[in-house]
Amino acid sequence: EAVAGFTLAEGIELIGHHIEVETGKGADAL
């Protein structure tokens, strides 16, 4: 909702999305 509202207000078209389920901690996070 936050991204959708922001892109609508700024006139930006979303051409794709990616969803991650990950803690993101540690040096090898990427």
ModelCIF file with pLDDT and N, C-alpha, C, O atoms, coordinates in Angstrom:
data_MODEL
#
_entry.id   MODEL 
#
_entity.id                         1 
_entity.type                       polymer 
_entity.pdbx_number_of_molecules   1 
#
_entity_poly.entity_id                      1 
_entity_poly.type                           'polypeptide(L)' 
_entity_poly.nstd_linkage                   no 
_entity_poly.nstd_monomer                   no 
_entity_poly.pdbx_seq_one_letter_code       EAVAGFTLAEGIELIGHHIEVETGKGADAL 
_entity_poly.pdbx_seq_one_letter_code_can   EAVAGFTLAEGIELIGHHIEVETGKGADAL 
_entity_poly.pdbx_strand_id                 A 
#
loop_
_entity_poly_seq.entity_id 
_entity_poly_seq.num 
_entity_poly_seq.mon_id 
_entity_poly_seq.hetero 
1 1  GLU n 
1 2  ALA n 
1 3  VAL n 
1 4  ALA n 
1 5  GLY n 
1 6  PHE n 
1 7  THR n 
1 8  LEU n 
1 9  ALA n 
1 10 GLU n 
1 11 GLY n 
1 12 ILE n 
1 13 GLU n 
1 14 LEU n 
1 15 ILE n 
1 16 GLY n 
1 17 HIS n 
1 18 HIS n 
1 19 ILE n 
1 20 GLU n 
1 21 VAL n 
1 22 GLU n 
1 23 THR n 
1 24 GLY n 
1 25 LYS n 
1 26 GLY n 
1 27 ALA n 
1 28 ASP n 
1 29 ALA n 
1 30 LEU n 
#
_struct_asym.id          A 
_struct_asym.entity_id   1 
#
loop_
_ma_qa_metric.id 
_ma_qa_metric.mode 
_ma_qa_metric.name 
_ma_qa_metric.software_group_id 
_ma_qa_metric.type 
1 global pLDDT . pLDDT 
2 local  pLDDT . pLDDT 
#
_ma_qa_metric_global.metric_id      1 
_ma_qa_metric_global.metric_value   81.07 
_ma_qa_metric_global.model_id       1 
_ma_qa_metric_global.ordinal_id     1 
#
loop_
_ma_qa_metric_local.label_asym_id 
_ma_qa_metric_local.label_comp_id 
_ma_qa_metric_local.label_seq_id 
_ma_qa_metric_local.metric_id 
_ma_qa_metric_local.metric_value 
_ma_qa_metric_local.model_id 
_ma_qa_metric_local.ordinal_id 
A GLU 1  2 88.00 1 1  
A ALA 2  2 88.00 1 2  
A VAL 3  2 91.00 1 3  
A ALA 4  2 89.00 1 4  
A GLY 5  2 88.00 1 5  
A PHE 6  2 89.00 1 6  
A THR 7  2 90.00 1 7  
A LEU 8  2 89.00 1 8  
A ALA 9  2 86.00 1 9  
A GLU 10 2 88.00 1 10 
A GLY 11 2 91.00 1 11 
A ILE 12 2 92.00 1 12 
A GLU 13 2 94.00 1 13 
A LEU 14 2 94.00 1 14 
A ILE 15 2 95.00 1 15 
A GLY 16 2 94.00 1 16 
A HIS 17 2 93.00 1 17 
A HIS 18 2 93.00 1 18 
A ILE 19 2 92.00 1 19 
A GLU 20 2 89.00 1 20 
A VAL 21 2 83.00 1 21 
A GLU 22 2 72.00 1 22 
A THR 23 2 60.00 1 23 
A GLY 24 2 53.00 1 24 
A LYS 25 2 57.00 1 25 
A GLY 26 2 53.00 1 26 
A ALA 27 2 50.00 1 27 
A ASP 28 2 57.00 1 28 
A ALA 29 2 64.00 1 29 
A LEU 30 2 70.00 1 30 
#
loop_
_atom_site.group_PDB 
_atom_site.id 
_atom_site.type_symbol 
_atom_site.label_atom_id 
_atom_site.label_alt_id 
_atom_site.label_comp_id 
_atom_site.label_asym_id 
_atom_site.label_entity_id 
_atom_site.label_seq_id 
_atom_site.pdbx_PDB_ins_code 
_atom_site.Cartn_x 
_atom_site.Cartn_y 
_atom_site.Cartn_z 
_atom_site.occupancy 
_atom_site.B_iso_or_equiv 
_atom_site.pdbx_formal_charge 
_atom_site.auth_seq_id 
_atom_site.auth_comp_id 
_atom_site.auth_asym_id 
_atom_site.auth_atom_id 
_atom_site.pdbx_PDB_model_num 
ATOM 1   N N  . GLU A 1 1  ? 0.827  -1.208  0.000   1.00 88.00 ? 1  GLU A N  1 
ATOM 2   C CA . GLU A 1 1  ? 0.000  0.000   0.000   1.00 88.00 ? 1  GLU A CA 1 
ATOM 3   C C  . GLU A 1 1  ? 0.863  1.259   0.000   1.00 88.00 ? 1  GLU A C  1 
ATOM 4   O O  . GLU A 1 1  ? 0.555  2.232   -0.689  1.00 88.00 ? 1  GLU A O  1 
ATOM 5   N N  . ALA A 1 2  ? 1.948  1.235   0.780   1.00 88.00 ? 2  ALA A N  1 
ATOM 6   C CA . ALA A 1 2  ? 2.832  2.392   0.840   1.00 88.00 ? 2  ALA A CA 1 
ATOM 7   C C  . ALA A 1 2  ? 3.482  2.662   -0.509  1.00 88.00 ? 2  ALA A C  1 
ATOM 8   O O  . ALA A 1 2  ? 3.546  3.807   -0.957  1.00 88.00 ? 2  ALA A O  1 
ATOM 9   N N  . VAL A 1 3  ? 3.967  1.600   -1.157  1.00 91.00 ? 3  VAL A N  1 
ATOM 10  C CA . VAL A 1 3  ? 4.616  1.753   -2.462  1.00 91.00 ? 3  VAL A CA 1 
ATOM 11  C C  . VAL A 1 3  ? 3.596  2.165   -3.519  1.00 91.00 ? 3  VAL A C  1 
ATOM 12  O O  . VAL A 1 3  ? 3.880  3.018   -4.360  1.00 91.00 ? 3  VAL A O  1 
ATOM 13  N N  . ALA A 1 4  ? 2.408  1.562   -3.478  1.00 89.00 ? 4  ALA A N  1 
ATOM 14  C CA . ALA A 1 4  ? 1.378  1.900   -4.462  1.00 89.00 ? 4  ALA A CA 1 
ATOM 15  C C  . ALA A 1 4  ? 0.958  3.363   -4.340  1.00 89.00 ? 4  ALA A C  1 
ATOM 16  O O  . ALA A 1 4  ? 0.830  4.064   -5.343  1.00 89.00 ? 4  ALA A O  1 
ATOM 17  N N  . GLY A 1 5  ? 0.747  3.815   -3.108  1.00 88.00 ? 5  GLY A N  1 
ATOM 18  C CA . GLY A 1 5  ? 0.355  5.204   -2.903  1.00 88.00 ? 5  GLY A CA 1 
ATOM 19  C C  . GLY A 1 5  ? 1.442  6.176   -3.331  1.00 88.00 ? 5  GLY A C  1 
ATOM 20  O O  . GLY A 1 5  ? 1.161  7.225   -3.911  1.00 88.00 ? 5  GLY A O  1 
ATOM 21  N N  . PHE A 1 6  ? 2.689  5.816   -3.037  1.00 89.00 ? 6  PHE A N  1 
ATOM 22  C CA . PHE A 1 6  ? 3.816  6.669   -3.391  1.00 89.00 ? 6  PHE A CA 1 
ATOM 23  C C  . PHE A 1 6  ? 3.975  6.770   -4.908  1.00 89.00 ? 6  PHE A C  1 
ATOM 24  O O  . PHE A 1 6  ? 4.132  7.868   -5.442  1.00 89.00 ? 6  PHE A O  1 
ATOM 25  N N  . THR A 1 7  ? 3.935  5.640   -5.600  1.00 90.00 ? 7  THR A N  1 
ATOM 26  C CA . THR A 1 7  ? 4.124  5.659   -7.055  1.00 90.00 ? 7  THR A CA 1 
ATOM 27  C C  . THR A 1 7  ? 2.975  6.386   -7.752  1.00 90.00 ? 7  THR A C  1 
ATOM 28  O O  . THR A 1 7  ? 3.179  7.055   -8.765  1.00 90.00 ? 7  THR A O  1 
ATOM 29  N N  . LEU A 1 8  ? 1.767  6.252   -7.203  1.00 89.00 ? 8  LEU A N  1 
ATOM 30  C CA . LEU A 1 8  ? 0.631  6.968   -7.779  1.00 89.00 ? 8  LEU A CA 1 
ATOM 31  C C  . LEU A 1 8  ? 0.824  8.475   -7.637  1.00 89.00 ? 8  LEU A C  1 
ATOM 32  O O  . LEU A 1 8  ? 0.588  9.234   -8.577  1.00 89.00 ? 8  LEU A O  1 
ATOM 33  N N  . ALA A 1 9  ? 1.258  8.896   -6.446  1.00 86.00 ? 9  ALA A N  1 
ATOM 34  C CA . ALA A 1 9  ? 1.442  10.325  -6.196  1.00 86.00 ? 9  ALA A CA 1 
ATOM 35  C C  . ALA A 1 9  ? 2.588  10.898  -7.024  1.00 86.00 ? 9  ALA A C  1 
ATOM 36  O O  . ALA A 1 9  ? 2.539  12.057  -7.437  1.00 86.00 ? 9  ALA A O  1 
ATOM 37  N N  . GLU A 1 10 ? 3.618  10.091  -7.267  1.00 88.00 ? 10 GLU A N  1 
ATOM 38  C CA . GLU A 1 10 ? 4.805  10.572  -7.987  1.00 88.00 ? 10 GLU A CA 1 
ATOM 39  C C  . GLU A 1 10 ? 4.747  10.301  -9.487  1.00 88.00 ? 10 GLU A C  1 
ATOM 40  O O  . GLU A 1 10 ? 5.654  10.698  -10.218 1.00 88.00 ? 10 GLU A O  1 
ATOM 41  N N  . GLY A 1 11 ? 3.698  9.636   -9.954  1.00 91.00 ? 11 GLY A N  1 
ATOM 42  C CA . GLY A 1 11 ? 3.584  9.346   -11.376 1.00 91.00 ? 11 GLY A CA 1 
ATOM 43  C C  . GLY A 1 11 ? 4.596  8.325   -11.866 1.00 91.00 ? 11 GLY A C  1 
ATOM 44  O O  . GLY A 1 11 ? 5.150  8.471   -12.955 1.00 91.00 ? 11 GLY A O  1 
ATOM 45  N N  . ILE A 1 12 ? 4.840  7.289   -11.069 1.00 92.00 ? 12 ILE A N  1 
ATOM 46  C CA . ILE A 1 12 ? 5.801  6.233   -11.411 1.00 92.00 ? 12 ILE A CA 1 
ATOM 47  C C  . ILE A 1 12 ? 5.044  4.957   -11.735 1.00 92.00 ? 12 ILE A C  1 
ATOM 48  O O  . ILE A 1 12 ? 4.105  4.594   -11.027 1.00 92.00 ? 12 ILE A O  1 
ATOM 49  N N  . GLU A 1 13 ? 5.444  4.275   -12.796 1.00 94.00 ? 13 GLU A N  1 
ATOM 50  C CA . GLU A 1 13 ? 4.805  3.019   -13.196 1.00 94.00 ? 13 GLU A CA 1 
ATOM 51  C C  . GLU A 1 13 ? 5.610  1.838   -12.665 1.00 94.00 ? 13 GLU A C  1 
ATOM 52  O O  . GLU A 1 13 ? 6.804  1.720   -12.940 1.00 94.00 ? 13 GLU A O  1 
ATOM 53  N N  . LEU A 1 14 ? 4.948  0.958   -11.897 1.00 94.00 ? 14 LEU A N  1 
ATOM 54  C CA . LEU A 1 14 ? 5.603  -0.262  -11.420 1.00 94.00 ? 14 LEU A CA 1 
ATOM 55  C C  . LEU A 1 14 ? 5.561  -1.306  -12.537 1.00 94.00 ? 14 LEU A C  1 
ATOM 56  O O  . LEU A 1 14 ? 4.487  -1.685  -13.003 1.00 94.00 ? 14 LEU A O  1 
ATOM 57  N N  . ILE A 1 15 ? 6.733  -1.763  -12.956 1.00 95.00 ? 15 ILE A N  1 
ATOM 58  C CA . ILE A 1 15 ? 6.799  -2.740  -14.048 1.00 95.00 ? 15 ILE A CA 1 
ATOM 59  C C  . ILE A 1 15 ? 7.171  -4.128  -13.544 1.00 95.00 ? 15 ILE A C  1 
ATOM 60  O O  . ILE A 1 15 ? 7.364  -5.049  -14.338 1.00 95.00 ? 15 ILE A O  1 
ATOM 61  N N  . GLY A 1 16 ? 7.271  -4.280  -12.237 1.00 94.00 ? 16 GLY A N  1 
ATOM 62  C CA . GLY A 1 16 ? 7.577  -5.583  -11.660 1.00 94.00 ? 16 GLY A CA 1 
ATOM 63  C C  . GLY A 1 16 ? 7.687  -5.485  -10.156 1.00 94.00 ? 16 GLY A C  1 
ATOM 64  O O  . GLY A 1 16 ? 7.840  -4.393  -9.609  1.00 94.00 ? 16 GLY A O  1 
ATOM 65  N N  . HIS A 1 17 ? 7.609  -6.629  -9.481  1.00 93.00 ? 17 HIS A N  1 
ATOM 66  C CA . HIS A 1 17 ? 7.778  -6.643  -8.031  1.00 93.00 ? 17 HIS A CA 1 
ATOM 67  C C  . HIS A 1 17 ? 8.418  -7.958  -7.604  1.00 93.00 ? 17 HIS A C  1 
ATOM 68  O O  . HIS A 1 17 ? 8.262  -8.984  -8.265  1.00 93.00 ? 17 HIS A O  1 
ATOM 69  N N  . HIS A 1 18 ? 9.138  -7.910  -6.489  1.00 93.00 ? 18 HIS A N  1 
ATOM 70  C CA . HIS A 1 18 ? 9.815  -9.092  -5.952  1.00 93.00 ? 18 HIS A CA 1 
ATOM 71  C C  . HIS A 1 18 ? 9.579  -9.139  -4.449  1.00 93.00 ? 18 HIS A C  1 
ATOM 72  O O  . HIS A 1 18 ? 9.711  -8.125  -3.763  1.00 93.00 ? 18 HIS A O  1 
ATOM 73  N N  . ILE A 1 19 ? 9.232  -10.308 -3.942  1.00 92.00 ? 19 ILE A N  1 
ATOM 74  C CA . ILE A 1 19 ? 8.918  -10.490 -2.531  1.00 92.00 ? 19 ILE A CA 1 
ATOM 75  C C  . ILE A 1 19 ? 9.919  -11.456 -1.907  1.00 92.00 ? 19 ILE A C  1 
ATOM 76  O O  . ILE A 1 19 ? 10.145 -12.548 -2.429  1.00 92.00 ? 19 ILE A O  1 
ATOM 77  N N  . GLU A 1 20 ? 10.518 -11.051 -0.788  1.00 89.00 ? 20 GLU A N  1 
ATOM 78  C CA . GLU A 1 20 ? 11.529 -11.851 -0.104  1.00 89.00 ? 20 GLU A CA 1 
ATOM 79  C C  . GLU A 1 20 ? 11.039 -12.206 1.300   1.00 89.00 ? 20 GLU A C  1 
ATOM 80  O O  . GLU A 1 20 ? 10.421 -11.387 1.978   1.00 89.00 ? 20 GLU A O  1 
ATOM 81  N N  . VAL A 1 21 ? 11.323 -13.433 1.722   1.00 83.00 ? 21 VAL A N  1 
ATOM 82  C CA . VAL A 1 21 ? 11.093 -13.837 3.103   1.00 83.00 ? 21 VAL A CA 1 
ATOM 83  C C  . VAL A 1 21 ? 12.454 -14.212 3.668   1.00 83.00 ? 21 VAL A C  1 
ATOM 84  O O  . VAL A 1 21 ? 12.947 -15.319 3.450   1.00 83.00 ? 21 VAL A O  1 
ATOM 85  N N  . GLU A 1 22 ? 13.060 -13.271 4.403   1.00 72.00 ? 22 GLU A N  1 
ATOM 86  C CA . GLU A 1 22 ? 14.440 -13.461 4.863   1.00 72.00 ? 22 GLU A CA 1 
ATOM 87  C C  . GLU A 1 22 ? 14.739 -12.472 5.969   1.00 72.00 ? 22 GLU A C  1 
ATOM 88  O O  . GLU A 1 22 ? 14.239 -11.347 5.959   1.00 72.00 ? 22 GLU A O  1 
ATOM 89  N N  . THR A 1 23 ? 15.567 -12.896 6.937   1.00 60.00 ? 23 THR A N  1 
ATOM 90  C CA . THR A 1 23 ? 15.915 -12.006 8.038   1.00 60.00 ? 23 THR A CA 1 
ATOM 91  C C  . THR A 1 23 ? 16.804 -10.871 7.560   1.00 60.00 ? 23 THR A C  1 
ATOM 92  O O  . THR A 1 23 ? 16.709 -9.757  8.074   1.00 60.00 ? 23 THR A O  1 
ATOM 93  N N  . GLY A 1 24 ? 17.676 -11.133 6.576   1.00 53.00 ? 24 GLY A N  1 
ATOM 94  C CA . GLY A 1 24 ? 18.541 -10.085 6.057   1.00 53.00 ? 24 GLY A CA 1 
ATOM 95  C C  . GLY A 1 24 ? 19.727 -9.779  6.932   1.00 53.00 ? 24 GLY A C  1 
ATOM 96  O O  . GLY A 1 24 ? 20.419 -8.791  6.686   1.00 53.00 ? 24 GLY A O  1 
ATOM 97  N N  . LYS A 1 25 ? 20.001 -10.597 7.963   1.00 57.00 ? 25 LYS A N  1 
ATOM 98  C CA . LYS A 1 25 ? 21.127 -10.331 8.848   1.00 57.00 ? 25 LYS A CA 1 
ATOM 99  C C  . LYS A 1 25 ? 22.360 -11.077 8.367   1.00 57.00 ? 25 LYS A C  1 
ATOM 100 O O  . LYS A 1 25 ? 22.261 -12.099 7.687   1.00 57.00 ? 25 LYS A O  1 
ATOM 101 N N  . GLY A 1 26 ? 23.535 -10.546 8.735   1.00 53.00 ? 26 GLY A N  1 
ATOM 102 C CA . GLY A 1 26 ? 24.781 -11.226 8.428   1.00 53.00 ? 26 GLY A CA 1 
ATOM 103 C C  . GLY A 1 26 ? 25.476 -10.677 7.207   1.00 53.00 ? 26 GLY A C  1 
ATOM 104 O O  . GLY A 1 26 ? 24.877 -10.003 6.369   1.00 53.00 ? 26 GLY A O  1 
ATOM 105 N N  . ALA A 1 27 ? 26.790 -10.990 7.127   1.00 50.00 ? 27 ALA A N  1 
ATOM 106 C CA . ALA A 1 27 ? 27.604 -10.472 6.032   1.00 50.00 ? 27 ALA A CA 1 
ATOM 107 C C  . ALA A 1 27 ? 27.188 -11.033 4.681   1.00 50.00 ? 27 ALA A C  1 
ATOM 108 O O  . ALA A 1 27 ? 27.401 -10.405 3.645   1.00 50.00 ? 27 ALA A O  1 
ATOM 109 N N  . ASP A 1 28 ? 26.588 -12.235 4.702   1.00 57.00 ? 28 ASP A N  1 
ATOM 110 C CA . ASP A 1 28 ? 26.191 -12.857 3.437   1.00 57.00 ? 28 ASP A CA 1 
ATOM 111 C C  . ASP A 1 28 ? 24.716 -12.637 3.143   1.00 57.00 ? 28 ASP A C  1 
ATOM 112 O O  . ASP A 1 28 ? 24.094 -13.434 2.441   1.00 57.00 ? 28 ASP A O  1 
ATOM 113 N N  . ALA A 1 29 ? 24.147 -11.542 3.685   1.00 64.00 ? 29 ALA A N  1 
ATOM 114 C CA . ALA A 1 29 ? 22.707 -11.295 3.554   1.00 64.00 ? 29 ALA A CA 1 
ATOM 115 C C  . ALA A 1 29 ? 22.264 -11.251 2.101   1.00 64.00 ? 29 ALA A C  1 
ATOM 116 O O  . ALA A 1 29 ? 21.210 -11.789 1.761   1.00 64.00 ? 29 ALA A O  1 
ATOM 117 N N  . LEU A 1 30 ? 23.055 -10.616 1.235   1.00 70.00 ? 30 LEU A N  1 
ATOM 118 C CA . LEU A 1 30 ? 22.663 -10.512 -0.170  1.00 70.00 ? 30 LEU A CA 1 
ATOM 119 C C  . LEU A 1 30 ? 22.650 -11.886 -0.833  1.00 70.00 ? 30 LEU A C  1 
ATOM 120 O O  . LEU A 1 30 ? 22.343 -11.996 -2.020  1.00 70.00 ? 30 LEU A O  1 
#
